[in-house]
Amino acid sequence: MDSKREVILYVVFGVLTTAINIVTYLFCTKLLQIEYKLATTIAWIVSVLFAFVTNKLYVFRSKEPSMRFVLKEMFLFFIARLFSYGLDIGTMLLLVAQLHMNDFIAKCVANVVVILVNYFISKYVIFKKQVSHG
């Protein structure tokens, strides 16, 4: 049951993270007239901050109290998200610049790829359950 809860919460917070990413992107491109690559970067930063907090506290319930461990999780999370940022911007460049896809549709496609990759990295690398040696 715990892994079912985890997947459900990951999907819920993934949808919220994606919504934050897309709303931030649209705000930057449509209202502030920021170029799509910079807007993608700004949207990434905002959504990664939200994702770290929700993944740590609610999805994977990482409760390790030591500051050293929390900083390690944060470091790994941001490194993994840098990788997913590369996927995000790379997908955008491929779909928008090379295939001339609408940037909003491309942004949605990129987010699906990023969500899947992020789940596996978060579950099996960043917030993996620590094995206690008794």
Protein backbone atom coordinates (compact mmCIF):
# COMPACT_ATOMS: atom_id res chain seq x y z
CA MET A 1 0.00 0.00 0.00
CA ASP A 2 2.89 2.37 0.77
CA SER A 3 4.26 2.24 -2.78
CA LYS A 4 0.75 2.87 -4.15
CA ARG A 5 0.47 5.95 -1.92
CA GLU A 6 3.90 7.04 -3.07
CA VAL A 7 3.02 6.78 -6.76
CA ILE A 8 -0.30 8.58 -6.26
CA LEU A 9 1.36 11.42 -4.34
CA TYR A 10 4.17 11.59 -6.90
CA VAL A 11 1.59 11.95 -9.67
CA VAL A 12 -0.37 14.59 -7.74
CA PHE A 13 2.72 16.64 -6.93
CA GLY A 14 4.13 15.95 -10.39
CA VAL A 15 0.98 17.45 -11.91
CA LEU A 16 1.27 20.45 -9.57
CA THR A 17 4.98 20.82 -10.38
CA THR A 18 4.20 20.61 -14.08
CA ALA A 19 1.43 23.17 -13.69
CA ILE A 20 3.83 25.50 -11.88
CA ASN A 21 6.41 24.93 -14.62
CA ILE A 22 3.94 25.64 -17.44
CA VAL A 23 2.26 28.62 -15.73
CA THR A 24 5.66 30.14 -14.97
CA TYR A 25 6.73 29.51 -18.58
CA LEU A 26 3.56 31.12 -19.97
CA PHE A 27 3.87 34.06 -17.58
CA CYS A 28 7.44 34.63 -18.72
CA THR A 29 6.81 34.22 -22.45
CA LYS A 30 3.36 35.74 -22.86
CA LEU A 31 3.27 38.48 -20.22
CA LEU A 32 6.93 39.37 -19.77
CA GLN A 33 7.87 38.61 -23.41
CA ILE A 34 10.92 36.57 -22.34
CA GLU A 35 12.51 34.37 -25.00
CA TYR A 36 11.51 30.68 -24.69
CA LYS A 37 14.94 29.31 -23.64
CA LEU A 38 15.30 31.77 -20.76
CA ALA A 39 11.62 31.25 -19.84
CA THR A 40 12.23 27.49 -19.73
CA THR A 41 15.15 28.07 -17.35
CA ILE A 42 13.14 30.32 -15.03
CA ALA A 43 10.23 27.86 -15.02
CA TRP A 44 12.67 25.05 -14.22
CA ILE A 45 14.13 26.85 -11.19
CA VAL A 46 10.71 27.67 -9.72
CA SER A 47 9.34 24.16 -10.25
CA VAL A 48 12.48 22.41 -8.88
CA LEU A 49 12.23 24.31 -5.61
CA PHE A 50 8.59 23.28 -5.27
CA ALA A 51 9.37 19.68 -6.26
CA PHE A 52 12.19 19.25 -3.74
CA VAL A 53 10.03 20.26 -0.80
CA THR A 54 7.02 18.16 -1.84
CA ASN A 55 9.06 15.10 -2.82
CA LYS A 56 11.08 15.16 0.39
CA LEU A 57 8.24 15.79 2.81
CA TYR A 58 5.19 14.15 1.24
CA VAL A 59 6.07 11.69 -1.50
CA PHE A 60 9.16 9.88 -0.24
CA ARG A 61 8.76 11.00 3.40
CA SER A 62 12.44 11.50 3.99
CA LYS A 63 12.65 12.34 7.68
CA GLU A 64 16.41 12.22 8.27
CA PRO A 65 17.03 15.05 10.75
CA SER A 66 20.74 15.68 10.21
CA MET A 67 21.57 18.82 8.23
CA ARG A 68 24.37 16.93 6.47
CA PHE A 69 21.91 14.35 5.13
CA VAL A 70 19.36 16.99 4.10
CA LEU A 71 22.07 18.90 2.23
CA LYS A 72 23.13 15.65 0.53
CA GLU A 73 19.54 15.03 -0.58
CA MET A 74 19.21 18.61 -1.80
CA PHE A 75 22.49 18.41 -3.70
CA LEU A 76 21.52 15.11 -5.37
CA PHE A 77 18.05 16.42 -6.13
CA PHE A 78 19.37 19.54 -7.83
CA ILE A 79 22.01 17.57 -9.76
CA ALA A 80 19.31 15.16 -10.97
CA ARG A 81 17.09 18.09 -11.87
CA LEU A 82 19.96 19.66 -13.81
CA PHE A 83 19.98 16.46 -15.83
CA SER A 84 16.22 16.74 -16.33
CA TYR A 85 16.65 20.43 -17.20
CA GLY A 86 18.97 19.24 -19.96
CA LEU A 87 16.22 16.88 -21.12
CA ASP A 88 13.69 19.71 -20.90
CA ILE A 89 15.69 22.30 -22.82
CA GLY A 90 16.99 19.67 -25.26
CA THR A 91 13.46 18.51 -26.02
CA MET A 92 12.35 22.12 -26.45
CA LEU A 93 15.23 22.86 -28.83
CA LEU A 94 14.53 19.72 -30.84
CA LEU A 95 10.77 20.21 -31.04
CA VAL A 96 10.65 24.00 -31.44
CA ALA A 97 13.86 24.91 -33.26
CA GLN A 98 14.29 21.78 -35.38
CA LEU A 99 10.77 20.40 -35.89
CA HIS A 100 8.97 23.79 -35.67
CA MET A 101 6.39 22.50 -33.20
CA ASN A 102 4.26 24.97 -31.27
CA ASP A 103 6.24 25.90 -28.16
CA PHE A 104 3.36 25.21 -25.75
CA ILE A 105 2.76 21.71 -27.14
CA ALA A 106 6.51 21.08 -27.07
CA LYS A 107 6.61 22.22 -23.43
CA CYS A 108 3.89 19.69 -22.53
CA VAL A 109 5.73 16.86 -24.34
CA ALA A 110 8.99 17.80 -22.62
CA ASN A 111 7.30 17.71 -19.22
CA VAL A 112 6.01 14.16 -19.71
CA VAL A 113 9.55 12.95 -20.44
CA VAL A 114 10.95 14.87 -17.47
CA ILE A 115 8.33 13.56 -15.01
CA LEU A 116 9.06 9.93 -15.84
CA VAL A 117 12.83 10.31 -15.56
CA ASN A 118 12.57 12.33 -12.34
CA TYR A 119 10.43 9.70 -10.58
CA PHE A 120 12.96 6.94 -11.09
CA ILE A 121 15.92 9.09 -10.11
CA SER A 122 14.12 10.37 -7.00
CA LYS A 123 12.93 6.96 -5.89
CA TYR A 124 16.06 4.94 -6.53
CA VAL A 125 18.85 7.48 -6.01
CA ILE A 126 17.91 10.56 -4.00
CA PHE A 127 15.26 9.50 -1.49
CA LYS A 128 15.99 5.77 -1.43
CA LYS A 129 15.25 4.19 1.90
CA GLN A 130 18.33 3.82 4.04
CA VAL A 131 19.12 0.27 5.07
CA SER A 132 19.72 0.07 8.79
CA HIS A 133 22.48 -2.28 9.86
CA GLY A 134 21.18 -3.58 13.10
